[in-house]
Amino acid sequence: MPQEISVSYQAIKSKLYRLIDALVVGEKTETEVQESIRRWWELIHPADRPIAQKYLLTVLERSRLALEAVEGGLMEATQNEEIRTPEPSKVLKMVGRVVKQATFSSPTI
């Protein structure tokens, strides 16, 4: 019997944030996060994928804006200090790319 996957905004946000946290603390590598997203995406019923994609991309965009705000605040707070700028929103770009690839390669019912 197939597993039901919730495609609510909150469920998708929780899934994404758990994956980001696992990557940040070193529990998962980027490759493992990508594979986790692929497996999760395949469990979503094809009819539910458009709303799941909408919510996921919304969470990614809001997360990107939040990270930019944090980075901007840090830059303001440390104006005279040299700071190594990380790659902008690498995790968010990676997850977005995986979702887009899965969307284009998924068979429709």
PDB file of N, CA and C in Angstrom:
ATOM      1  N   MET A   1       0.852  -1.183   0.000  1.00  0.00           N
ATOM      2  CA  MET A   1       0.000   0.000   0.000  1.00  0.00           C
ATOM      3  C   MET A   1       0.892   1.239   0.000  1.00  0.00           C
ATOM      4  N   PRO A   2       0.663   2.181  -0.918  1.00  0.00           N
ATOM      5  CA  PRO A   2       1.517   3.359  -0.984  1.00  0.00           C
ATOM      6  C   PRO A   2       1.375   4.241   0.252  1.00  0.00           C
ATOM      7  N   GLN A   3       2.468   4.859   0.613  1.00  0.00           N
ATOM      8  CA  GLN A   3       2.493   5.760   1.757  1.00  0.00           C
ATOM      9  C   GLN A   3       1.881   7.092   1.341  1.00  0.00           C
ATOM     10  N   GLU A   4       1.036   7.666   2.199  1.00  0.00           N
ATOM     11  CA  GLU A   4       0.467   8.980   1.899  1.00  0.00           C
ATOM     12  C   GLU A   4       1.426  10.057   2.362  1.00  0.00           C
ATOM     13  N   ILE A   5       1.661  11.011   1.491  1.00  0.00           N
ATOM     14  CA  ILE A   5       2.541  12.123   1.795  1.00  0.00           C
ATOM     15  C   ILE A   5       1.707  13.392   1.846  1.00  0.00           C
ATOM     16  N   SER A   6       1.804  14.129   2.945  1.00  0.00           N
ATOM     17  CA  SER A   6       1.069  15.375   3.067  1.00  0.00           C
ATOM     18  C   SER A   6       1.716  16.440   2.192  1.00  0.00           C
ATOM     19  N   VAL A   7       0.890  17.158   1.476  1.00  0.00           N
ATOM     20  CA  VAL A   7       1.393  18.257   0.656  1.00  0.00           C
ATOM     21  C   VAL A   7       0.918  19.603   1.191  1.00  0.00           C
ATOM     22  N   SER A   8       0.622  19.652   2.488  1.00  0.00           N
ATOM     23  CA  SER A   8       0.252  20.930   3.083  1.00  0.00           C
ATOM     24  C   SER A   8       1.488  21.827   3.148  1.00  0.00           C
ATOM     25  N   TYR A   9       1.243  23.109   3.200  1.00  0.00           N
ATOM     26  CA  TYR A   9       2.343  24.070   3.292  1.00  0.00           C
ATOM     27  C   TYR A   9       3.224  23.747   4.497  1.00  0.00           C
ATOM     28  N   GLN A  10       2.607  23.507   5.649  1.00  0.00           N
ATOM     29  CA  GLN A  10       3.363  23.242   6.873  1.00  0.00           C
ATOM     30  C   GLN A  10       4.187  21.969   6.766  1.00  0.00           C
ATOM     31  N   ALA A  11       3.619  20.915   6.183  1.00  0.00           N
ATOM     32  CA  ALA A  11       4.352  19.650   6.051  1.00  0.00           C
ATOM     33  C   ALA A  11       5.562  19.817   5.131  1.00  0.00           C
ATOM     34  N   ILE A  12       5.383  20.546   4.052  1.00  0.00           N
ATOM     35  CA  ILE A  12       6.486  20.762   3.110  1.00  0.00           C
ATOM     36  C   ILE A  12       7.556  21.639   3.730  1.00  0.00           C
ATOM     37  N   LYS A  13       7.145  22.674   4.444  1.00  0.00           N
ATOM     38  CA  LYS A  13       8.113  23.537   5.116  1.00  0.00           C
ATOM     39  C   LYS A  13       8.912  22.738   6.146  1.00  0.00           C
ATOM     40  N   SER A  14       8.244  21.897   6.907  1.00  0.00           N
ATOM     41  CA  SER A  14       8.928  21.074   7.911  1.00  0.00           C
ATOM     42  C   SER A  14       9.920  20.122   7.256  1.00  0.00           C
ATOM     43  N   LYS A  15       9.514  19.494   6.163  1.00  0.00           N
ATOM     44  CA  LYS A  15      10.408  18.571   5.445  1.00  0.00           C
ATOM     45  C   LYS A  15      11.651  19.307   4.968  1.00  0.00           C
ATOM     46  N   LEU A  16      11.452  20.439   4.336  1.00  0.00           N
ATOM     47  CA  LEU A  16      12.573  21.208   3.805  1.00  0.00           C
ATOM     48  C   LEU A  16      13.493  21.684   4.928  1.00  0.00           C
ATOM     49  N   TYR A  17      12.940  22.195   5.996  1.00  0.00           N
ATOM     50  CA  TYR A  17      13.771  22.703   7.085  1.00  0.00           C
ATOM     51  C   TYR A  17      14.531  21.579   7.783  1.00  0.00           C
ATOM     52  N   ARG A  18      13.928  20.391   7.889  1.00  0.00           N
ATOM     53  CA  ARG A  18      14.649  19.243   8.465  1.00  0.00           C
ATOM     54  C   ARG A  18      15.848  18.874   7.591  1.00  0.00           C
ATOM     55  N   LEU A  19      15.647  18.902   6.281  1.00  0.00           N
ATOM     56  CA  LEU A  19      16.754  18.583   5.370  1.00  0.00           C
ATOM     57  C   LEU A  19      17.859  19.635   5.445  1.00  0.00           C
ATOM     58  N   ILE A  20      17.468  20.895   5.480  1.00  0.00           N
ATOM     59  CA  ILE A  20      18.467  21.962   5.585  1.00  0.00           C
ATOM     60  C   ILE A  20      19.235  21.822   6.893  1.00  0.00           C
ATOM     61  N   ASP A  21      18.525  21.565   7.986  1.00  0.00           N
ATOM     62  CA  ASP A  21      19.184  21.408   9.281  1.00  0.00           C
ATOM     63  C   ASP A  21      20.148  20.225   9.267  1.00  0.00           C
ATOM     64  N   ALA A  22      19.740  19.119   8.650  1.00  0.00           N
ATOM     65  CA  ALA A  22      20.617  17.943   8.571  1.00  0.00           C
ATOM     66  C   ALA A  22      21.888  18.271   7.790  1.00  0.00           C
ATOM     67  N   LEU A  23      21.765  19.086   6.768  1.00  0.00           N
ATOM     68  CA  LEU A  23      22.931  19.490   5.989  1.00  0.00           C
ATOM     69  C   LEU A  23      23.817  20.453   6.790  1.00  0.00           C
ATOM     70  N   VAL A  24      23.191  21.396   7.488  1.00  0.00           N
ATOM     71  CA  VAL A  24      23.938  22.384   8.271  1.00  0.00           C
ATOM     72  C   VAL A  24      24.742  21.716   9.389  1.00  0.00           C
ATOM     73  N   VAL A  25      24.145  20.756  10.085  1.00  0.00           N
ATOM     74  CA  VAL A  25      24.837  20.117  11.205  1.00  0.00           C
ATOM     75  C   VAL A  25      25.728  18.963  10.770  1.00  0.00           C
ATOM     76  N   GLY A  26      25.697  18.646   9.483  1.00  0.00           N
ATOM     77  CA  GLY A  26      26.595  17.619   8.970  1.00  0.00           C
ATOM     78  C   GLY A  26      26.065  16.204   9.013  1.00  0.00           C
ATOM     79  N   GLU A  27      24.774  16.045   9.289  1.00  0.00           N
ATOM     80  CA  GLU A  27      24.190  14.703   9.307  1.00  0.00           C
ATOM     81  C   GLU A  27      23.997  14.154   7.900  1.00  0.00           C
ATOM     82  N   LYS A  28      23.837  15.051   6.931  1.00  0.00           N
ATOM     83  CA  LYS A  28      23.661  14.654   5.532  1.00  0.00           C
ATOM     84  C   LYS A  28      24.585  15.481   4.658  1.00  0.00           C
ATOM     85  N   THR A  29      24.964  14.884   3.538  1.00  0.00           N
ATOM     86  CA  THR A  29      25.736  15.610   2.532  1.00  0.00           C
ATOM     87  C   THR A  29      24.752  16.208   1.525  1.00  0.00           C
ATOM     88  N   GLU A  30      25.267  17.050   0.637  1.00  0.00           N
ATOM     89  CA  GLU A  30      24.414  17.622  -0.405  1.00  0.00           C
ATOM     90  C   GLU A  30      23.801  16.523  -1.267  1.00  0.00           C
ATOM     91  N   THR A  31      24.587  15.523  -1.582  1.00  0.00           N
ATOM     92  CA  THR A  31      24.093  14.406  -2.390  1.00  0.00           C
ATOM     93  C   THR A  31      22.977  13.668  -1.666  1.00  0.00           C
ATOM     94  N   GLU A  32      23.128  13.456  -0.370  1.00  0.00           N
ATOM     95  CA  GLU A  32      22.093  12.769   0.409  1.00  0.00           C
ATOM     96  C   GLU A  32      20.807  13.599   0.478  1.00  0.00           C
ATOM     97  N   VAL A  33      20.947  14.920   0.579  1.00  0.00           N
ATOM     98  CA  VAL A  33      19.774  15.794   0.591  1.00  0.00           C
ATOM     99  C   VAL A  33      19.058  15.706  -0.756  1.00  0.00           C
ATOM    100  N   GLN A  34      19.819  15.741  -1.835  1.00  0.00           N
ATOM    101  CA  GLN A  34      19.214  15.633  -3.161  1.00  0.00           C
ATOM    102  C   GLN A  34      18.476  14.309  -3.319  1.00  0.00           C
ATOM    103  N   GLU A  35      19.089  13.235  -2.876  1.00  0.00           N
ATOM    104  CA  GLU A  35      18.454  11.922  -2.984  1.00  0.00           C
ATOM    105  C   GLU A  35      17.202  11.855  -2.107  1.00  0.00           C
ATOM    106  N   SER A  36      17.252  12.451  -0.948  1.00  0.00           N
ATOM    107  CA  SER A  36      16.096  12.467  -0.067  1.00  0.00           C
ATOM    108  C   SER A  36      14.931  13.208  -0.714  1.00  0.00           C
ATOM    109  N   ILE A  37      15.222  14.335  -1.334  1.00  0.00           N
ATOM    110  CA  ILE A  37      14.182  15.098  -2.031  1.00  0.00           C
ATOM    111  C   ILE A  37      13.626  14.278  -3.192  1.00  0.00           C
ATOM    112  N   ARG A  38      14.473  13.615  -3.941  1.00  0.00           N
ATOM    113  CA  ARG A  38      13.997  12.786  -5.062  1.00  0.00           C
ATOM    114  C   ARG A  38      13.050  11.682  -4.569  1.00  0.00           C
ATOM    115  N   ARG A  39      13.459  10.987  -3.507  1.00  0.00           N
ATOM    116  CA  ARG A  39      12.615   9.909  -2.965  1.00  0.00           C
ATOM    117  C   ARG A  39      11.284  10.464  -2.465  1.00  0.00           C
ATOM    118  N   TRP A  40      11.344  11.595  -1.746  1.00  0.00           N
ATOM    119  CA  TRP A  40      10.141  12.234  -1.221  1.00  0.00           C
ATOM    120  C   TRP A  40       9.220  12.635  -2.369  1.00  0.00           C
ATOM    121  N   TRP A  41       9.773  13.221  -3.413  1.00  0.00           N
ATOM    122  CA  TRP A  41       8.983  13.676  -4.546  1.00  0.00           C
ATOM    123  C   TRP A  41       8.270  12.501  -5.223  1.00  0.00           C
ATOM    124  N   GLU A  42       8.957  11.378  -5.333  1.00  0.00           N
ATOM    125  CA  GLU A  42       8.366  10.206  -5.975  1.00  0.00           C
ATOM    126  C   GLU A  42       7.200   9.643  -5.165  1.00  0.00           C
ATOM    127  N   LEU A  43       7.159   9.891  -3.850  1.00  0.00           N
ATOM    128  CA  LEU A  43       6.073   9.416  -2.998  1.00  0.00           C
ATOM    129  C   LEU A  43       4.816  10.278  -3.106  1.00  0.00           C
ATOM    130  N   ILE A  44       4.967  11.473  -3.656  1.00  0.00           N
ATOM    131  CA  ILE A  44       3.820  12.372  -3.799  1.00  0.00           C
ATOM    132  C   ILE A  44       3.013  11.938  -5.017  1.00  0.00           C
ATOM    133  N   HIS A  45       1.738  11.822  -4.826  1.00  0.00           N
ATOM    134  CA  HIS A  45       0.851  11.436  -5.925  1.00  0.00           C
ATOM    135  C   HIS A  45       0.968  12.472  -7.046  1.00  0.00           C
ATOM    136  N   PRO A  46       1.052  12.019  -8.293  1.00  0.00           N
ATOM    137  CA  PRO A  46       1.198  12.961  -9.414  1.00  0.00           C
ATOM    138  C   PRO A  46       0.153  14.073  -9.443  1.00  0.00           C
ATOM    139  N   ALA A  47      -1.062  13.786  -9.011  1.00  0.00           N
ATOM    140  CA  ALA A  47      -2.100  14.820  -8.995  1.00  0.00           C
ATOM    141  C   ALA A  47      -1.824  15.900  -7.949  1.00  0.00           C
ATOM    142  N   ASP A  48      -1.052  15.542  -6.915  1.00  0.00           N
ATOM    143  CA  ASP A  48      -0.731  16.497  -5.848  1.00  0.00           C
ATOM    144  C   ASP A  48       0.559  17.268  -6.106  1.00  0.00           C
ATOM    145  N   ARG A  49       1.305  16.889  -7.112  1.00  0.00           N
ATOM    146  CA  ARG A  49       2.609  17.505  -7.355  1.00  0.00           C
ATOM    147  C   ARG A  49       2.563  18.993  -7.689  1.00  0.00           C
ATOM    148  N   PRO A  50       1.582  19.469  -8.455  1.00  0.00           N
ATOM    149  CA  PRO A  50       1.570  20.913  -8.727  1.00  0.00           C
ATOM    150  C   PRO A  50       1.469  21.760  -7.459  1.00  0.00           C
ATOM    151  N   ILE A  51       0.606  21.361  -6.518  1.00  0.00           N
ATOM    152  CA  ILE A  51       0.485  22.137  -5.284  1.00  0.00           C
ATOM    153  C   ILE A  51       1.720  21.941  -4.407  1.00  0.00           C
ATOM    154  N   ALA A  52       2.273  20.724  -4.406  1.00  0.00           N
ATOM    155  CA  ALA A  52       3.495  20.479  -3.638  1.00  0.00           C
ATOM    156  C   ALA A  52       4.631  21.334  -4.179  1.00  0.00           C
ATOM    157  N   GLN A  53       4.739  21.421  -5.488  1.00  0.00           N
ATOM    158  CA  GLN A  53       5.792  22.241  -6.093  1.00  0.00           C
ATOM    159  C   GLN A  53       5.572  23.713  -5.752  1.00  0.00           C
ATOM    160  N   LYS A  54       4.329  24.165  -5.835  1.00  0.00           N
ATOM    161  CA  LYS A  54       4.025  25.561  -5.506  1.00  0.00           C
ATOM    162  C   LYS A  54       4.454  25.881  -4.069  1.00  0.00           C
ATOM    163  N   TYR A  55       4.071  25.022  -3.125  1.00  0.00           N
ATOM    164  CA  TYR A  55       4.420  25.256  -1.729  1.00  0.00           C
ATOM    165  C   TYR A  55       5.930  25.174  -1.511  1.00  0.00           C
ATOM    166  N   LEU A  56       6.570  24.195  -2.135  1.00  0.00           N
ATOM    167  CA  LEU A  56       8.013  24.037  -1.963  1.00  0.00           C
ATOM    168  C   LEU A  56       8.754  25.254  -2.507  1.00  0.00           C
ATOM    169  N   LEU A  57       8.377  25.714  -3.674  1.00  0.00           N
ATOM    170  CA  LEU A  57       9.042  26.888  -4.249  1.00  0.00           C
ATOM    171  C   LEU A  57       8.760  28.147  -3.431  1.00  0.00           C
ATOM    172  N   THR A  58       7.568  28.230  -2.843  1.00  0.00           N
ATOM    173  CA  THR A  58       7.248  29.358  -1.958  1.00  0.00           C
ATOM    174  C   THR A  58       8.144  29.343  -0.726  1.00  0.00           C
ATOM    175  N   VAL A  59       8.280  28.165  -0.112  1.00  0.00           N
ATOM    176  CA  VAL A  59       9.144  28.041   1.066  1.00  0.00           C
ATOM    177  C   VAL A  59      10.593  28.356   0.695  1.00  0.00           C
ATOM    178  N   LEU A  60      11.047  27.863  -0.452  1.00  0.00           N
ATOM    179  CA  LEU A  60      12.417  28.143  -0.894  1.00  0.00           C
ATOM    180  C   LEU A  60      12.644  29.636  -1.090  1.00  0.00           C
ATOM    181  N   GLU A  61      11.707  30.299  -1.711  1.00  0.00           N
ATOM    182  CA  GLU A  61      11.853  31.744  -1.953  1.00  0.00           C
ATOM    183  C   GLU A  61      11.859  32.519  -0.640  1.00  0.00           C
ATOM    184  N   ARG A  62      10.945  32.193   0.251  1.00  0.00           N
ATOM    185  CA  ARG A  62      10.898  32.890   1.546  1.00  0.00           C
ATOM    186  C   ARG A  62      12.162  32.608   2.360  1.00  0.00           C
ATOM    187  N   SER A  63      12.666  31.388   2.271  1.00  0.00           N
ATOM    188  CA  SER A  63      13.903  31.039   2.970  1.00  0.00           C
ATOM    189  C   SER A  63      15.084  31.802   2.389  1.00  0.00           C
ATOM    190  N   ARG A  64      15.117  31.930   1.060  1.00  0.00           N
ATOM    191  CA  ARG A  64      16.182  32.684   0.408  1.00  0.00           C
ATOM    192  C   ARG A  64      16.157  34.134   0.878  1.00  0.00           C
ATOM    193  N   LEU A  65      14.964  34.719   0.937  1.00  0.00           N
ATOM    194  CA  LEU A  65      14.843  36.106   1.395  1.00  0.00           C
ATOM    195  C   LEU A  65      15.283  36.250   2.853  1.00  0.00           C
ATOM    196  N   ALA A  66      14.947  35.254   3.676  1.00  0.00           N
ATOM    197  CA  ALA A  66      15.360  35.291   5.077  1.00  0.00           C
ATOM    198  C   ALA A  66      16.877  35.212   5.201  1.00  0.00           C
ATOM    199  N   LEU A  67      17.500  34.333   4.424  1.00  0.00           N
ATOM    200  CA  LEU A  67      18.960  34.210   4.456  1.00  0.00           C
ATOM    201  C   LEU A  67      19.636  35.495   3.973  1.00  0.00           C
ATOM    202  N   GLU A  68      19.068  36.113   2.954  1.00  0.00           N
ATOM    203  CA  GLU A  68      19.624  37.378   2.472  1.00  0.00           C
ATOM    204  C   GLU A  68      19.497  38.469   3.527  1.00  0.00           C
ATOM    205  N   ALA A  69      18.384  38.478   4.267  1.00  0.00           N
ATOM    206  CA  ALA A  69      18.199  39.458   5.336  1.00  0.00           C
ATOM    207  C   ALA A  69      19.223  39.246   6.447  1.00  0.00           C
ATOM    208  N   VAL A  70      19.462  37.989   6.803  1.00  0.00           N
ATOM    209  CA  VAL A  70      20.464  37.677   7.825  1.00  0.00           C
ATOM    210  C   VAL A  70      21.840  38.115   7.343  1.00  0.00           C
ATOM    211  N   GLU A  71      22.163  37.784   6.098  1.00  0.00           N
ATOM    212  CA  GLU A  71      23.459  38.163   5.541  1.00  0.00           C
ATOM    213  C   GLU A  71      23.611  39.680   5.497  1.00  0.00           C
ATOM    214  N   GLY A  72      22.545  40.377   5.102  1.00  0.00           N
ATOM    215  CA  GLY A  72      22.584  41.838   5.071  1.00  0.00           C
ATOM    216  C   GLY A  72      22.797  42.432   6.455  1.00  0.00           C
ATOM    217  N   GLY A  73      22.123  41.873   7.440  1.00  0.00           N
ATOM    218  CA  GLY A  73      22.299  42.337   8.817  1.00  0.00           C
ATOM    219  C   GLY A  73      23.710  42.106   9.313  1.00  0.00           C
ATOM    220  N   LEU A  74      24.276  40.956   8.960  1.00  0.00           N
ATOM    221  CA  LEU A  74      25.647  40.660   9.350  1.00  0.00           C
ATOM    222  C   LEU A  74      26.618  41.625   8.689  1.00  0.00           C
ATOM    223  N   MET A  75      26.389  41.902   7.412  1.00  0.00           N
ATOM    224  CA  MET A  75      27.268  42.829   6.694  1.00  0.00           C
ATOM    225  C   MET A  75      27.221  44.227   7.323  1.00  0.00           C
ATOM    226  N   GLU A  76      26.025  44.671   7.690  1.00  0.00           N
ATOM    227  CA  GLU A  76      25.888  45.976   8.341  1.00  0.00           C
ATOM    228  C   GLU A  76      26.584  45.988   9.702  1.00  0.00           C
ATOM    229  N   ALA A  77      26.427  44.902  10.442  1.00  0.00           N
ATOM    230  CA  ALA A  77      27.001  44.835  11.785  1.00  0.00           C
ATOM    231  C   ALA A  77      28.521  44.745  11.754  1.00  0.00           C
ATOM    232  N   THR A  78      29.071  44.253  10.682  1.00  0.00           N
ATOM    233  CA  THR A  78      30.517  44.043  10.597  1.00  0.00           C
ATOM    234  C   THR A  78      31.122  44.838   9.441  1.00  0.00           C
ATOM    235  N   GLN A  79      30.695  46.062   9.272  1.00  0.00           N
ATOM    236  CA  GLN A  79      31.101  46.895   8.142  1.00  0.00           C
ATOM    237  C   GLN A  79      32.610  46.950   7.935  1.00  0.00           C
ATOM    238  N   ASN A  80      33.357  47.044   8.976  1.00  0.00           N
ATOM    239  CA  ASN A  80      34.805  47.217   8.860  1.00  0.00           C
ATOM    240  C   ASN A  80      35.574  45.915   8.963  1.00  0.00           C
ATOM    241  N   GLU A  81      34.877  44.814   9.163  1.00  0.00           N
ATOM    242  CA  GLU A  81      35.546  43.524   9.285  1.00  0.00           C
ATOM    243  C   GLU A  81      35.437  42.769   7.970  1.00  0.00           C
ATOM    244  N   GLU A  82      36.455  41.993   7.678  1.00  0.00           N
ATOM    245  CA  GLU A  82      36.422  41.187   6.468  1.00  0.00           C
ATOM    246  C   GLU A  82      35.622  39.917   6.738  1.00  0.00           C
ATOM    247  N   ILE A  83      34.658  39.650   5.881  1.00  0.00           N
ATOM    248  CA  ILE A  83      33.807  38.475   6.032  1.00  0.00           C
ATOM    249  C   ILE A  83      33.853  37.679   4.744  1.00  0.00           C
ATOM    250  N   ARG A  84      34.002  36.381   4.889  1.00  0.00           N
ATOM    251  CA  ARG A  84      33.944  35.494   3.722  1.00  0.00           C
ATOM    252  C   ARG A  84      32.480  35.302   3.354  1.00  0.00           C
ATOM    253  N   THR A  85      32.108  35.707   2.167  1.00  0.00           N
ATOM    254  CA  THR A  85      30.734  35.589   1.708  1.00  0.00           C
ATOM    255  C   THR A  85      30.495  34.183   1.168  1.00  0.00           C
ATOM    256  N   PRO A  86      29.529  33.462   1.747  1.00  0.00           N
ATOM    257  CA  PRO A  86      29.245  32.113   1.254  1.00  0.00           C
ATOM    258  C   PRO A  86      28.526  32.169  -0.089  1.00  0.00           C
ATOM    259  N   GLU A  87      28.478  31.018  -0.745  1.00  0.00           N
ATOM    260  CA  GLU A  87      27.720  30.953  -1.982  1.00  0.00           C
ATOM    261  C   GLU A  87      26.265  31.237  -1.651  1.00  0.00           C
ATOM    262  N   PRO A  88      25.634  32.155  -2.377  1.00  0.00           N
ATOM    263  CA  PRO A  88      24.274  32.570  -2.012  1.00  0.00           C
ATOM    264  C   PRO A  88      23.255  31.451  -2.172  1.00  0.00           C
ATOM    265  N   SER A  89      22.625  31.153  -1.057  1.00  0.00           N
ATOM    266  CA  SER A  89      21.499  30.215  -1.035  1.00  0.00           C
ATOM    267  C   SER A  89      21.772  28.918  -1.788  1.00  0.00           C
ATOM    268  N   LYS A  90      22.940  28.338  -1.602  1.00  0.00           N
ATOM    269  CA  LYS A  90      23.321  27.127  -2.325  1.00  0.00           C
ATOM    270  C   LYS A  90      22.338  25.983  -2.078  1.00  0.00           C
ATOM    271  N   VAL A  91      21.952  25.789  -0.833  1.00  0.00           N
ATOM    272  CA  VAL A  91      21.033  24.697  -0.513  1.00  0.00           C
ATOM    273  C   VAL A  91      19.679  24.937  -1.166  1.00  0.00           C
ATOM    274  N   LEU A  92      19.202  26.175  -1.096  1.00  0.00           N
ATOM    275  CA  LEU A  92      17.899  26.468  -1.663  1.00  0.00           C
ATOM    276  C   LEU A  92      17.900  26.295  -3.175  1.00  0.00           C
ATOM    277  N   LYS A  93      18.976  26.712  -3.827  1.00  0.00           N
ATOM    278  CA  LYS A  93      19.080  26.525  -5.273  1.00  0.00           C
ATOM    279  C   LYS A  93      19.106  25.045  -5.616  1.00  0.00           C
ATOM    280  N   MET A  94      19.846  24.274  -4.813  1.00  0.00           N
ATOM    281  CA  MET A  94      19.981  22.847  -5.063  1.00  0.00           C
ATOM    282  C   MET A  94      18.621  22.150  -4.957  1.00  0.00           C
ATOM    283  N   VAL A  95      17.861  22.431  -3.913  1.00  0.00           N
ATOM    284  CA  VAL A  95      16.566  21.790  -3.729  1.00  0.00           C
ATOM    285  C   VAL A  95      15.600  22.218  -4.832  1.00  0.00           C
ATOM    286  N   GLY A  96      15.620  23.490  -5.192  1.00  0.00           N
ATOM    287  CA  GLY A  96      14.772  23.964  -6.279  1.00  0.00           C
ATOM    288  C   GLY A  96      15.085  23.271  -7.588  1.00  0.00           C
ATOM    289  N   ARG A  97      16.373  23.069  -7.862  1.00  0.00           N
ATOM    290  CA  ARG A  97      16.801  22.391  -9.087  1.00  0.00           C
ATOM    291  C   ARG A  97      16.310  20.940  -9.093  1.00  0.00           C
ATOM    292  N   VAL A  98      16.400  20.259  -7.946  1.00  0.00           N
ATOM    293  CA  VAL A  98      15.949  18.872  -7.864  1.00  0.00           C
ATOM    294  C   VAL A  98      14.449  18.785  -8.121  1.00  0.00           C
ATOM    295  N   VAL A  99      13.684  19.713  -7.545  1.00  0.00           N
ATOM    296  CA  VAL A  99      12.232  19.699  -7.749  1.00  0.00           C
ATOM    297  C   VAL A  99      11.897  19.936  -9.219  1.00  0.00           C
ATOM    298  N   LYS A 100      12.568  20.888  -9.833  1.00  0.00           N
ATOM    299  CA  LYS A 100      12.313  21.155 -11.251  1.00  0.00           C
ATOM    300  C   LYS A 100      12.657  19.952 -12.112  1.00  0.00           C
ATOM    301  N   GLN A 101      13.781  19.284 -11.816  1.00  0.00           N
ATOM    302  CA  GLN A 101      14.163  18.097 -12.575  1.00  0.00           C
ATOM    303  C   GLN A 101      13.133  16.992 -12.391  1.00  0.00           C
ATOM    304  N   ALA A 102      12.682  16.812 -11.162  1.00  0.00           N
ATOM    305  CA  ALA A 102      11.690  15.765 -10.886  1.00  0.00           C
ATOM    306  C   ALA A 102      10.370  16.080 -11.581  1.00  0.00           C
ATOM    307  N   THR A 103      10.006  17.348 -11.649  1.00  0.00           N
ATOM    308  CA  THR A 103       8.762  17.742 -12.298  1.00  0.00           C
ATOM    309  C   THR A 103       8.807  17.412 -13.778  1.00  0.00           C
ATOM    310  N   PHE A 104       9.925  17.709 -14.424  1.00  0.00           N
ATOM    311  CA  PHE A 104      10.031  17.461 -15.859  1.00  0.00           C
ATOM    312  C   PHE A 104      10.187  15.981 -16.189  1.00  0.00           C
ATOM    313  N   SER A 105      10.754  15.202 -15.279  1.00  0.00           N
ATOM    314  CA  SER A 105      10.998  13.789 -15.582  1.00  0.00           C
ATOM    315  C   SER A 105       9.899  12.865 -15.050  1.00  0.00           C
ATOM    316  N   SER A 106       8.941  13.406 -14.304  1.00  0.00           N
ATOM    317  CA  SER A 106       7.887  12.564 -13.721  1.00  0.00           C
ATOM    318  C   SER A 106       6.822  12.243 -14.755  1.00  0.00           C
ATOM    319  N   PRO A 107       6.431  10.982 -14.832  1.00  0.00           N
ATOM    320  CA  PRO A 107       5.330  10.637 -15.732  1.00  0.00           C
ATOM    321  C   PRO A 107       4.020  11.139 -15.153  1.00  0.00           C
ATOM    322  N   THR A 108       3.140  11.584 -15.982  1.00  0.00           N
ATOM    323  CA  THR A 108       1.838  12.050 -15.514  1.00  0.00           C
ATOM    324  C   THR A 108       0.817  10.951 -15.669  1.00  0.00           C
ATOM    325  N   ILE A 109      -0.180  10.993 -14.821  1.00  0.00           N
ATOM    326  CA  ILE A 109      -1.227   9.974 -14.872  1.00  0.00           C
ATOM    327  C   ILE A 109      -2.480  10.575 -15.473  1.00  0.00           C
TER     328      ILE A 109
END
